[in-house]
């Protein structure tokens, strides 16, 4: 069996803000964007609704994609307040970056909800080895929790 994990797609309220954030603040590559008409195959919106879709990746051309979709109808659920904790079913988007301090500075300028500023961290890798990194945690404008790591 040759199964792959292709990407994760998040539903967002403001796709233009999301594009700006992931392209200019985080530094991901915008792969493509499109507008589509919902056909009723997924449990979102209603058949005939318009949606906008964007996908990003990092430096690897085939793995590590993340996508975002916004319903273009005016009855979108709005975020009521920034999150301050994770709950069952929430996801964590893990990003590897070249310079964690630089990303942190951009996130502060963008007034992101930062949970933990950059700190020295280490985790145990798949092979049992210690992986040293600088890590930080924050929420993006869509309340998606980000773990940002710079290997050292």
Protein backbone atom coordinates (compact mmCIF):
# COMPACT_ATOMS: atom_id res chain seq x y z
CA UNK A 1 0.00 0.00 0.00
CA UNK A 2 1.40 3.40 -1.00
CA UNK A 3 -0.46 5.94 1.15
CA UNK A 4 0.74 9.49 1.68
CA UNK A 5 -0.31 12.34 3.91
CA UNK A 6 -0.93 15.09 1.37
CA UNK A 7 -1.79 18.20 3.40
CA UNK A 8 -3.94 19.68 6.15
CA UNK A 9 -6.63 22.24 5.26
CA UNK A 10 -8.01 24.74 7.77
CA UNK A 11 -11.28 26.68 7.43
CA UNK A 12 -10.69 30.42 7.97
CA UNK A 13 -12.66 33.69 7.97
CA UNK A 14 -10.23 35.98 6.15
CA UNK A 15 -8.16 34.30 3.48
CA UNK A 16 -6.40 37.51 2.44
CA UNK A 17 -5.12 38.04 5.99
CA UNK A 18 -4.14 34.35 6.09
CA UNK A 19 -2.18 34.68 2.83
CA UNK A 20 -0.37 37.75 4.16
CA UNK A 21 0.43 36.03 7.47
CA UNK A 22 1.81 32.76 6.10
CA UNK A 23 3.62 34.36 3.15
CA UNK A 24 5.06 37.53 4.73
CA UNK A 25 5.22 36.82 8.47
CA UNK A 26 6.04 33.08 8.50
CA UNK A 27 7.77 32.99 5.08
CA UNK A 28 6.03 30.04 3.42
CA UNK A 29 5.73 29.68 -0.35
CA UNK A 30 2.24 30.33 -1.82
CA UNK A 31 1.76 27.35 -4.15
CA UNK A 32 -1.64 28.14 -5.61
CA UNK A 33 -4.96 29.77 -4.96
CA UNK A 34 -8.31 29.14 -6.54
CA UNK A 35 -12.00 29.83 -6.21
CA UNK A 36 -14.41 26.92 -6.27
CA UNK A 37 -18.12 26.14 -6.06
CA UNK A 38 -19.05 23.71 -3.28
CA UNK A 39 -20.71 20.55 -4.58
CA UNK A 40 -22.10 19.20 -1.30
CA UNK A 41 -19.50 16.46 -0.90
CA UNK A 42 -18.05 17.97 2.29
CA UNK A 43 -19.94 19.02 5.44
CA UNK A 44 -19.34 22.75 5.00
CA UNK A 45 -21.59 25.43 3.56
CA UNK A 46 -24.23 24.38 1.08
CA UNK A 47 -24.16 23.20 -2.51
CA UNK A 48 -23.48 26.14 -4.79
CA UNK A 49 -21.65 28.25 -2.19
CA UNK A 50 -18.41 29.81 -3.36
CA UNK A 51 -15.17 29.19 -1.51
CA UNK A 52 -11.61 30.37 -1.89
CA UNK A 53 -8.71 27.96 -1.40
CA UNK A 54 -4.96 28.58 -0.97
CA UNK A 55 -2.07 26.19 -0.37
CA UNK A 56 1.45 26.78 0.96
CA UNK A 57 4.62 24.78 1.39
CA UNK A 58 8.13 25.29 2.71
CA UNK A 59 11.33 24.37 0.93
CA UNK A 60 10.40 20.73 0.26
CA UNK A 61 8.38 20.46 -2.98
CA UNK A 62 6.35 17.37 -2.04
CA UNK A 63 5.84 17.22 1.72
CA UNK A 64 4.71 19.67 4.34
CA UNK A 65 1.80 21.41 2.65
CA UNK A 66 -0.84 23.38 4.52
CA UNK A 67 -3.98 24.85 2.96
CA UNK A 68 -6.74 27.25 3.95
CA UNK A 69 -10.30 27.63 2.70
CA UNK A 70 -12.78 30.47 3.22
CA UNK A 71 -16.48 30.37 2.44
CA UNK A 72 -17.25 33.54 0.53
CA UNK A 73 -20.80 33.83 1.86
CA UNK A 74 -21.48 36.54 4.44
CA UNK A 75 -22.77 34.19 7.17
CA UNK A 76 -19.37 32.88 8.29
CA UNK A 77 -18.92 32.14 11.97
CA UNK A 78 -16.68 34.82 13.45
CA UNK A 79 -13.92 34.22 15.98
CA UNK A 80 -15.20 35.59 19.26
CA UNK A 81 -11.88 36.00 21.07
CA UNK A 82 -8.29 34.86 20.94
CA UNK A 83 -7.64 31.43 22.39
CA UNK A 84 -5.46 30.96 25.44
CA UNK A 85 -5.48 27.17 25.74
CA UNK A 86 -5.82 24.08 23.59
CA UNK A 87 -8.81 21.76 23.76
CA UNK A 88 -9.73 18.30 22.55
CA UNK A 89 -9.80 18.28 18.75
CA UNK A 90 -7.56 21.33 18.33
CA UNK A 91 -4.55 20.93 16.09
CA UNK A 92 -0.98 22.16 16.34
CA UNK A 93 0.71 23.33 13.14
CA UNK A 94 4.44 22.61 13.55
CA UNK A 95 6.80 24.75 11.47
CA UNK A 96 10.55 24.43 11.03
CA UNK A 97 12.25 27.78 10.41
CA UNK A 98 15.78 29.06 9.84
CA UNK A 99 15.57 31.88 12.42
CA UNK A 100 13.09 31.58 15.28
CA UNK A 101 14.01 34.99 16.76
CA UNK A 102 13.28 36.69 13.42
CA UNK A 103 9.86 35.03 13.19
CA UNK A 104 9.19 35.99 16.82
CA UNK A 105 9.96 39.65 16.05
CA UNK A 106 7.57 39.56 13.07
CA UNK A 107 4.84 37.91 15.16
CA UNK A 108 5.19 40.61 17.84
CA UNK A 109 4.98 43.37 15.20
CA UNK A 110 1.88 41.67 13.77
CA UNK A 111 0.42 41.60 17.32
CA UNK A 112 -0.07 37.82 17.36
CA UNK A 113 -1.19 36.05 20.50
CA UNK A 114 2.18 34.66 21.63
CA UNK A 115 2.01 31.86 24.18
CA UNK A 116 5.75 31.39 24.77
CA UNK A 117 8.67 33.40 23.40
CA UNK A 118 11.73 31.59 21.96
CA UNK A 119 13.47 29.22 24.39
CA UNK A 120 16.12 26.50 24.25
CA UNK A 121 14.42 23.14 23.79
CA UNK A 122 15.29 19.52 23.11
CA UNK A 123 13.16 16.55 22.15
CA UNK A 124 13.86 12.87 21.60
CA UNK A 125 13.88 12.00 17.90
CA UNK A 126 12.57 8.83 16.25
CA UNK A 127 15.96 7.15 16.56
CA UNK A 128 16.22 8.01 20.27
CA UNK A 129 18.67 10.84 19.66
CA UNK A 130 18.37 14.27 21.25
CA UNK A 131 17.32 17.05 18.86
CA UNK A 132 18.26 20.52 20.06
CA UNK A 133 16.26 23.51 18.90
CA UNK A 134 14.97 26.94 19.68
CA UNK A 135 11.17 26.77 20.00
CA UNK A 136 8.27 29.15 20.48
CA UNK A 137 4.48 28.92 20.51
CA UNK A 138 1.79 31.31 19.25
CA UNK A 139 -1.66 31.46 17.71
CA UNK A 140 -2.12 32.71 14.16
CA UNK A 141 -4.94 35.17 13.26
CA UNK A 142 -7.31 32.18 12.77
CA UNK A 143 -6.68 30.80 16.29
CA UNK A 144 -4.54 27.99 14.86
CA UNK A 145 -1.83 27.07 17.38
CA UNK A 146 1.70 27.20 16.00
CA UNK A 147 4.78 25.39 17.25
CA UNK A 148 7.77 27.07 15.63
CA UNK A 149 11.18 25.35 15.81
CA UNK A 150 14.69 26.19 14.67
CA UNK A 151 17.07 23.22 14.86
CA UNK A 152 20.50 24.08 16.24
